[in-house]
C-alpha cells in the first residue's frame, strides 16, 4: 500500500486495485479511516476532530491529484506523491 503523503503524523495511503468508490486510507496514531475522494467525507473509521479537519482540508486542495492517483492504483501503477499540508 503506497504512502502518497504524510503530514503532522498523518499518513495518506492507497491500495492497488482497491474497491470502489474512489477513496484513500488515513492513519493517525492508533486511528484509521477511509475518505471518499468524490464526496470528501469519512466513509469508515474515525479520526480525532483536528486530524479529520486537516485531512479533509488537504483532500479538498488535492482532489484532482487524488483521483489521478486512484486511477493509477486501479491500473496497478505507482501513484504520484502529493504535497503535504503545510
N, C-alpha and C. Protein backbone atom coordinates (compact mmCIF):
# COMPACT_ATOMS: atom_id res chain seq x y z
N UNK A 1 0.87 -1.17 0.00
CA UNK A 1 0.00 0.00 0.00
C UNK A 1 0.90 1.23 0.00
N UNK A 2 0.99 1.94 -1.12
CA UNK A 2 1.85 3.11 -1.20
C UNK A 2 1.36 4.27 -0.32
N UNK A 3 2.30 4.93 0.33
CA UNK A 3 2.01 6.17 1.06
C UNK A 3 2.18 7.31 0.06
N UNK A 4 1.11 8.08 -0.13
CA UNK A 4 1.18 9.15 -1.13
C UNK A 4 1.44 10.52 -0.50
N UNK A 5 1.21 10.64 0.82
CA UNK A 5 1.50 11.89 1.51
C UNK A 5 1.59 11.62 3.01
N UNK A 6 2.29 12.51 3.70
CA UNK A 6 2.40 12.43 5.16
C UNK A 6 2.59 13.83 5.71
N UNK A 7 1.84 14.16 6.75
CA UNK A 7 1.96 15.46 7.39
C UNK A 7 1.41 15.39 8.81
N UNK A 8 2.07 16.06 9.73
CA UNK A 8 1.63 16.14 11.13
C UNK A 8 1.34 14.76 11.74
N UNK A 9 2.12 13.76 11.37
CA UNK A 9 1.91 12.42 11.89
C UNK A 9 0.79 11.64 11.22
N UNK A 10 0.21 12.21 10.17
CA UNK A 10 -0.90 11.59 9.42
C UNK A 10 -0.33 10.96 8.16
N UNK A 11 -0.67 9.70 7.92
CA UNK A 11 -0.24 9.01 6.70
C UNK A 11 -1.44 8.82 5.78
N UNK A 12 -1.25 9.16 4.50
CA UNK A 12 -2.28 9.01 3.48
C UNK A 12 -1.81 7.92 2.53
N UNK A 13 -2.65 6.88 2.37
CA UNK A 13 -2.26 5.74 1.55
C UNK A 13 -3.40 5.32 0.62
N UNK A 14 -3.01 4.56 -0.42
CA UNK A 14 -3.97 3.93 -1.32
C UNK A 14 -3.52 2.50 -1.57
N UNK A 15 -4.49 1.61 -1.74
CA UNK A 15 -4.21 0.23 -2.10
C UNK A 15 -4.26 0.10 -3.61
N UNK A 16 -3.46 -0.83 -4.15
CA UNK A 16 -3.57 -1.17 -5.56
C UNK A 16 -4.84 -1.98 -5.76
N UNK A 17 -5.58 -1.66 -6.83
CA UNK A 17 -6.77 -2.43 -7.22
C UNK A 17 -7.79 -2.55 -6.07
N UNK A 18 -8.02 -1.48 -5.35
CA UNK A 18 -8.98 -1.45 -4.23
C UNK A 18 -10.40 -1.35 -4.77
N UNK A 19 -11.37 -1.53 -3.90
CA UNK A 19 -12.79 -1.49 -4.27
C UNK A 19 -13.26 -0.05 -4.46
N UNK A 20 -14.30 0.12 -5.27
CA UNK A 20 -14.94 1.43 -5.47
C UNK A 20 -15.80 1.73 -4.25
N UNK A 21 -16.15 2.97 -4.02
CA UNK A 21 -15.84 4.20 -4.75
C UNK A 21 -14.40 4.65 -4.47
N UNK A 22 -13.89 5.58 -5.28
CA UNK A 22 -12.54 6.09 -5.07
C UNK A 22 -12.37 6.63 -3.64
N UNK A 23 -11.32 6.17 -2.97
CA UNK A 23 -11.09 6.59 -1.60
C UNK A 23 -9.61 6.45 -1.26
N UNK A 24 -9.23 7.01 -0.12
CA UNK A 24 -7.88 6.81 0.38
C UNK A 24 -7.97 6.45 1.86
N UNK A 25 -6.89 5.88 2.34
CA UNK A 25 -6.80 5.42 3.72
C UNK A 25 -5.96 6.40 4.53
N UNK A 26 -6.39 6.65 5.75
CA UNK A 26 -5.70 7.57 6.65
C UNK A 26 -5.33 6.82 7.91
N UNK A 27 -4.09 7.03 8.37
CA UNK A 27 -3.69 6.51 9.66
C UNK A 27 -3.08 7.64 10.46
N UNK A 28 -3.55 7.77 11.69
CA UNK A 28 -3.02 8.77 12.60
C UNK A 28 -2.96 8.12 13.99
N UNK A 29 -1.75 7.84 14.46
CA UNK A 29 -1.55 7.12 15.72
C UNK A 29 -2.34 5.81 15.65
N UNK A 30 -3.22 5.56 16.61
CA UNK A 30 -4.00 4.31 16.60
C UNK A 30 -5.30 4.43 15.81
N UNK A 31 -5.56 5.60 15.22
CA UNK A 31 -6.80 5.83 14.47
C UNK A 31 -6.63 5.50 13.00
N UNK A 32 -7.68 4.94 12.41
CA UNK A 32 -7.69 4.65 10.98
C UNK A 32 -9.04 5.03 10.41
N UNK A 33 -9.02 5.50 9.16
CA UNK A 33 -10.27 5.88 8.49
C UNK A 33 -10.05 5.79 6.98
N UNK A 34 -11.16 5.74 6.25
CA UNK A 34 -11.12 5.88 4.80
C UNK A 34 -11.94 7.12 4.45
N UNK A 35 -11.49 7.82 3.42
CA UNK A 35 -12.15 9.05 2.98
C UNK A 35 -12.54 8.90 1.52
N UNK A 36 -13.79 9.15 1.21
CA UNK A 36 -14.30 9.12 -0.15
C UNK A 36 -13.75 10.35 -0.88
N UNK A 37 -13.08 10.13 -1.99
CA UNK A 37 -12.45 11.24 -2.71
C UNK A 37 -13.49 12.14 -3.37
N UNK A 38 -14.56 11.58 -3.86
CA UNK A 38 -15.56 12.38 -4.57
C UNK A 38 -16.39 13.24 -3.63
N UNK A 39 -16.78 12.71 -2.46
CA UNK A 39 -17.61 13.48 -1.52
C UNK A 39 -16.80 14.19 -0.46
N UNK A 40 -15.54 13.81 -0.31
CA UNK A 40 -14.65 14.34 0.73
C UNK A 40 -15.26 14.18 2.12
N UNK A 41 -15.77 12.97 2.37
CA UNK A 41 -16.35 12.63 3.67
C UNK A 41 -15.71 11.34 4.16
N UNK A 42 -15.61 11.21 5.49
CA UNK A 42 -15.10 9.98 6.08
C UNK A 42 -16.13 8.88 5.80
N UNK A 43 -15.68 7.83 5.12
CA UNK A 43 -16.56 6.73 4.75
C UNK A 43 -16.61 5.65 5.83
N UNK A 44 -15.49 5.45 6.50
CA UNK A 44 -15.44 4.46 7.58
C UNK A 44 -14.31 4.81 8.53
N UNK A 45 -14.40 4.27 9.74
CA UNK A 45 -13.38 4.54 10.74
C UNK A 45 -13.60 5.88 11.39
N UNK A 46 -12.60 6.29 12.15
CA UNK A 46 -12.69 7.60 12.80
C UNK A 46 -11.31 8.18 13.05
N UNK A 47 -11.29 9.49 13.13
CA UNK A 47 -10.08 10.25 13.44
C UNK A 47 -10.43 11.29 14.48
N UNK A 48 -9.45 11.74 15.27
CA UNK A 48 -9.73 12.87 16.16
C UNK A 48 -10.18 14.07 15.33
N UNK A 49 -10.99 14.91 15.91
CA UNK A 49 -11.59 16.05 15.19
C UNK A 49 -10.56 16.88 14.44
N UNK A 50 -9.47 17.26 15.09
CA UNK A 50 -8.47 18.12 14.45
C UNK A 50 -7.78 17.40 13.29
N UNK A 51 -7.44 16.14 13.47
CA UNK A 51 -6.81 15.37 12.39
C UNK A 51 -7.77 15.24 11.21
N UNK A 52 -9.03 15.00 11.50
CA UNK A 52 -10.03 14.88 10.42
C UNK A 52 -10.14 16.18 9.65
N UNK A 53 -10.17 17.30 10.35
CA UNK A 53 -10.24 18.60 9.67
C UNK A 53 -9.03 18.81 8.76
N UNK A 54 -7.84 18.48 9.25
CA UNK A 54 -6.62 18.63 8.45
C UNK A 54 -6.68 17.75 7.20
N UNK A 55 -7.09 16.50 7.37
CA UNK A 55 -7.16 15.57 6.24
C UNK A 55 -8.17 16.06 5.20
N UNK A 56 -9.34 16.47 5.64
CA UNK A 56 -10.36 16.92 4.69
C UNK A 56 -9.96 18.21 3.99
N UNK A 57 -9.30 19.13 4.71
CA UNK A 57 -8.79 20.35 4.07
C UNK A 57 -7.75 20.00 3.01
N UNK A 58 -6.83 19.11 3.35
CA UNK A 58 -5.80 18.67 2.41
C UNK A 58 -6.44 18.01 1.19
N UNK A 59 -7.40 17.12 1.43
CA UNK A 59 -8.05 16.40 0.34
C UNK A 59 -8.77 17.36 -0.61
N UNK A 60 -9.38 18.38 -0.07
CA UNK A 60 -10.06 19.36 -0.92
C UNK A 60 -9.07 20.06 -1.84
N UNK A 61 -7.90 20.39 -1.31
CA UNK A 61 -6.87 21.06 -2.11
C UNK A 61 -6.31 20.15 -3.21
N UNK A 62 -6.33 18.85 -2.98
CA UNK A 62 -5.67 17.90 -3.88
C UNK A 62 -6.63 16.87 -4.48
N UNK A 63 -7.90 17.21 -4.57
CA UNK A 63 -8.91 16.25 -5.02
C UNK A 63 -8.60 15.68 -6.41
N UNK A 64 -8.21 16.50 -7.35
CA UNK A 64 -7.92 16.01 -8.69
C UNK A 64 -6.69 15.10 -8.70
N UNK A 65 -5.68 15.45 -7.93
CA UNK A 65 -4.49 14.60 -7.83
C UNK A 65 -4.84 13.25 -7.19
N UNK A 66 -5.73 13.28 -6.20
CA UNK A 66 -6.16 12.04 -5.56
C UNK A 66 -6.91 11.15 -6.55
N UNK A 67 -7.77 11.74 -7.36
CA UNK A 67 -8.48 10.96 -8.37
C UNK A 67 -7.52 10.36 -9.39
N UNK A 68 -6.50 11.11 -9.77
CA UNK A 68 -5.49 10.59 -10.69
C UNK A 68 -4.72 9.44 -10.04
N UNK A 69 -4.34 9.59 -8.78
CA UNK A 69 -3.65 8.50 -8.08
C UNK A 69 -4.55 7.28 -7.95
N UNK A 70 -5.84 7.49 -7.74
CA UNK A 70 -6.78 6.37 -7.68
C UNK A 70 -6.75 5.60 -9.01
N UNK A 71 -6.80 6.35 -10.10
CA UNK A 71 -6.77 5.72 -11.43
C UNK A 71 -5.48 4.91 -11.60
N UNK A 72 -4.36 5.48 -11.21
CA UNK A 72 -3.08 4.77 -11.33
C UNK A 72 -3.08 3.49 -10.50
N UNK A 73 -3.60 3.57 -9.29
CA UNK A 73 -3.65 2.38 -8.43
C UNK A 73 -4.54 1.30 -9.04
N UNK A 74 -5.64 1.70 -9.67
CA UNK A 74 -6.52 0.72 -10.29
C UNK A 74 -5.83 0.02 -11.46
N UNK A 75 -4.87 0.70 -12.05
CA UNK A 75 -4.08 0.12 -13.13
C UNK A 75 -2.83 -0.57 -12.60
N UNK A 76 -2.73 -0.67 -11.28
CA UNK A 76 -1.59 -1.29 -10.59
C UNK A 76 -0.28 -0.58 -10.92
N UNK A 77 -0.38 0.74 -11.07
CA UNK A 77 0.79 1.57 -11.30
C UNK A 77 1.07 2.38 -10.04
N UNK A 78 2.30 2.77 -9.87
CA UNK A 78 2.71 3.55 -8.69
C UNK A 78 2.03 4.92 -8.72
N UNK A 79 1.32 5.30 -7.64
CA UNK A 79 0.70 6.63 -7.60
C UNK A 79 1.77 7.70 -7.39
N UNK A 80 1.42 8.90 -7.76
CA UNK A 80 2.33 10.04 -7.58
C UNK A 80 2.26 10.56 -6.15
N UNK A 81 3.39 11.00 -5.62
CA UNK A 81 3.33 11.64 -4.29
C UNK A 81 2.53 12.94 -4.40
N UNK A 82 1.86 13.30 -3.31
CA UNK A 82 1.10 14.54 -3.26
C UNK A 82 1.65 15.39 -2.13
N UNK A 83 1.83 16.66 -2.40
CA UNK A 83 2.42 17.58 -1.41
C UNK A 83 1.67 17.53 -0.09
N UNK A 84 2.41 17.52 1.01
CA UNK A 84 1.76 17.52 2.33
C UNK A 84 1.14 18.88 2.65
N UNK A 85 0.31 18.86 3.67
CA UNK A 85 -0.25 20.10 4.19
C UNK A 85 0.84 20.81 4.97
N UNK A 86 0.96 22.11 4.78
CA UNK A 86 2.00 22.87 5.49
C UNK A 86 1.37 23.89 6.40
